[in-house]
């Protein structure tokens, strides 16, 4: 059975390029284009409580190894 591990990083564009061209993560089996939308209250109540609500849309793989 396959499992998914999600790693979220907040990076500047140049740091992302450096990470993706390094050997740190290895080559991916596939790359997906994904868009996530985070929802919270106007006063960030969920964030303050360490919670979040996310809606994610995934597209078809854009490359395969």
C-alpha atoms as a PDB file:
ATOM      1  CA  UNK A   1       0.000   0.000   0.000  1.00  0.00           C
ATOM      2  CA  UNK A   2       1.332   3.431  -0.957  1.00  0.00           C
ATOM      3  CA  UNK A   3       1.210   6.311   1.450  1.00  0.00           C
ATOM      4  CA  UNK A   4       1.430  10.018   0.849  1.00  0.00           C
ATOM      5  CA  UNK A   5       3.666  12.366   2.782  1.00  0.00           C
ATOM      6  CA  UNK A   6       2.946  16.051   2.410  1.00  0.00           C
ATOM      7  CA  UNK A   7       5.701  18.529   3.148  1.00  0.00           C
ATOM      8  CA  UNK A   8       4.762  22.193   3.106  1.00  0.00           C
ATOM      9  CA  UNK A   9       7.417  24.850   2.773  1.00  0.00           C
ATOM     10  CA  UNK A  10       7.216  28.589   2.447  1.00  0.00           C
ATOM     11  CA  UNK A  11      10.070  29.636   0.194  1.00  0.00           C
ATOM     12  CA  UNK A  12      11.136  32.574  -1.908  1.00  0.00           C
ATOM     13  CA  UNK A  13      11.110  31.736  -5.652  1.00  0.00           C
ATOM     14  CA  UNK A  14      14.916  31.595  -5.819  1.00  0.00           C
ATOM     15  CA  UNK A  15      15.065  29.284  -2.779  1.00  0.00           C
ATOM     16  CA  UNK A  16      12.489  26.981  -4.394  1.00  0.00           C
ATOM     17  CA  UNK A  17      14.575  26.736  -7.559  1.00  0.00           C
ATOM     18  CA  UNK A  18      17.673  25.972  -5.492  1.00  0.00           C
ATOM     19  CA  UNK A  19      15.835  23.233  -3.570  1.00  0.00           C
ATOM     20  CA  UNK A  20      14.376  21.643  -6.702  1.00  0.00           C
ATOM     21  CA  UNK A  21      17.752  21.531  -8.471  1.00  0.00           C
ATOM     22  CA  UNK A  22      19.579  20.067  -5.457  1.00  0.00           C
ATOM     23  CA  UNK A  23      19.940  16.345  -4.674  1.00  0.00           C
ATOM     24  CA  UNK A  24      18.340  16.763  -1.245  1.00  0.00           C
ATOM     25  CA  UNK A  25      14.901  15.393  -2.165  1.00  0.00           C
ATOM     26  CA  UNK A  26      15.885  13.057  -4.997  1.00  0.00           C
ATOM     27  CA  UNK A  27      13.958  12.711  -8.234  1.00  0.00           C
ATOM     28  CA  UNK A  28      10.162  12.600  -7.949  1.00  0.00           C
ATOM     29  CA  UNK A  29       8.118   9.734  -9.376  1.00  0.00           C
ATOM     30  CA  UNK A  30       5.724  12.352 -10.684  1.00  0.00           C
ATOM     31  CA  UNK A  31       5.088  16.063 -10.337  1.00  0.00           C
ATOM     32  CA  UNK A  32       1.592  17.419  -9.780  1.00  0.00           C
ATOM     33  CA  UNK A  33       0.271  20.913 -10.259  1.00  0.00           C
ATOM     34  CA  UNK A  34      -1.810  21.609  -7.153  1.00  0.00           C
ATOM     35  CA  UNK A  35      -3.731  24.596  -5.839  1.00  0.00           C
ATOM     36  CA  UNK A  36      -4.733  24.832  -2.171  1.00  0.00           C
ATOM     37  CA  UNK A  37      -7.134  27.352  -0.684  1.00  0.00           C
ATOM     38  CA  UNK A  38      -6.994  27.949   3.066  1.00  0.00           C
ATOM     39  CA  UNK A  39     -10.078  29.114   4.914  1.00  0.00           C
ATOM     40  CA  UNK A  40     -10.235  30.897   8.260  1.00  0.00           C
ATOM     41  CA  UNK A  41     -12.277  33.510  10.075  1.00  0.00           C
ATOM     42  CA  UNK A  42     -11.626  37.216   9.588  1.00  0.00           C
ATOM     43  CA  UNK A  43      -9.744  37.348  12.898  1.00  0.00           C
ATOM     44  CA  UNK A  44      -7.679  34.174  12.183  1.00  0.00           C
ATOM     45  CA  UNK A  45      -9.351  32.122  14.944  1.00  0.00           C
ATOM     46  CA  UNK A  46      -8.494  28.753  13.359  1.00  0.00           C
ATOM     47  CA  UNK A  47      -4.849  29.703  12.890  1.00  0.00           C
ATOM     48  CA  UNK A  48      -4.610  30.914  16.496  1.00  0.00           C
ATOM     49  CA  UNK A  49      -5.938  27.534  17.673  1.00  0.00           C
ATOM     50  CA  UNK A  50      -3.515  25.591  15.513  1.00  0.00           C
ATOM     51  CA  UNK A  51      -6.213  24.401  13.121  1.00  0.00           C
ATOM     52  CA  UNK A  52      -6.980  24.951   9.478  1.00  0.00           C
ATOM     53  CA  UNK A  53      -9.425  24.041   6.743  1.00  0.00           C
ATOM     54  CA  UNK A  54      -8.034  23.435   3.269  1.00  0.00           C
ATOM     55  CA  UNK A  55      -9.622  22.729  -0.076  1.00  0.00           C
ATOM     56  CA  UNK A  56      -7.122  21.273  -2.560  1.00  0.00           C
ATOM     57  CA  UNK A  57      -7.434  20.703  -6.292  1.00  0.00           C
ATOM     58  CA  UNK A  58      -4.984  18.452  -8.066  1.00  0.00           C
ATOM     59  CA  UNK A  59      -4.344  18.370 -11.764  1.00  0.00           C
ATOM     60  CA  UNK A  60      -3.031  15.478 -13.812  1.00  0.00           C
ATOM     61  CA  UNK A  61       0.685  14.676 -13.482  1.00  0.00           C
ATOM     62  CA  UNK A  62       2.832  17.047 -15.516  1.00  0.00           C
ATOM     63  CA  UNK A  63       5.882  14.794 -15.636  1.00  0.00           C
ATOM     64  CA  UNK A  64       6.725  11.192 -14.878  1.00  0.00           C
ATOM     65  CA  UNK A  65       9.959   9.400 -14.281  1.00  0.00           C
END
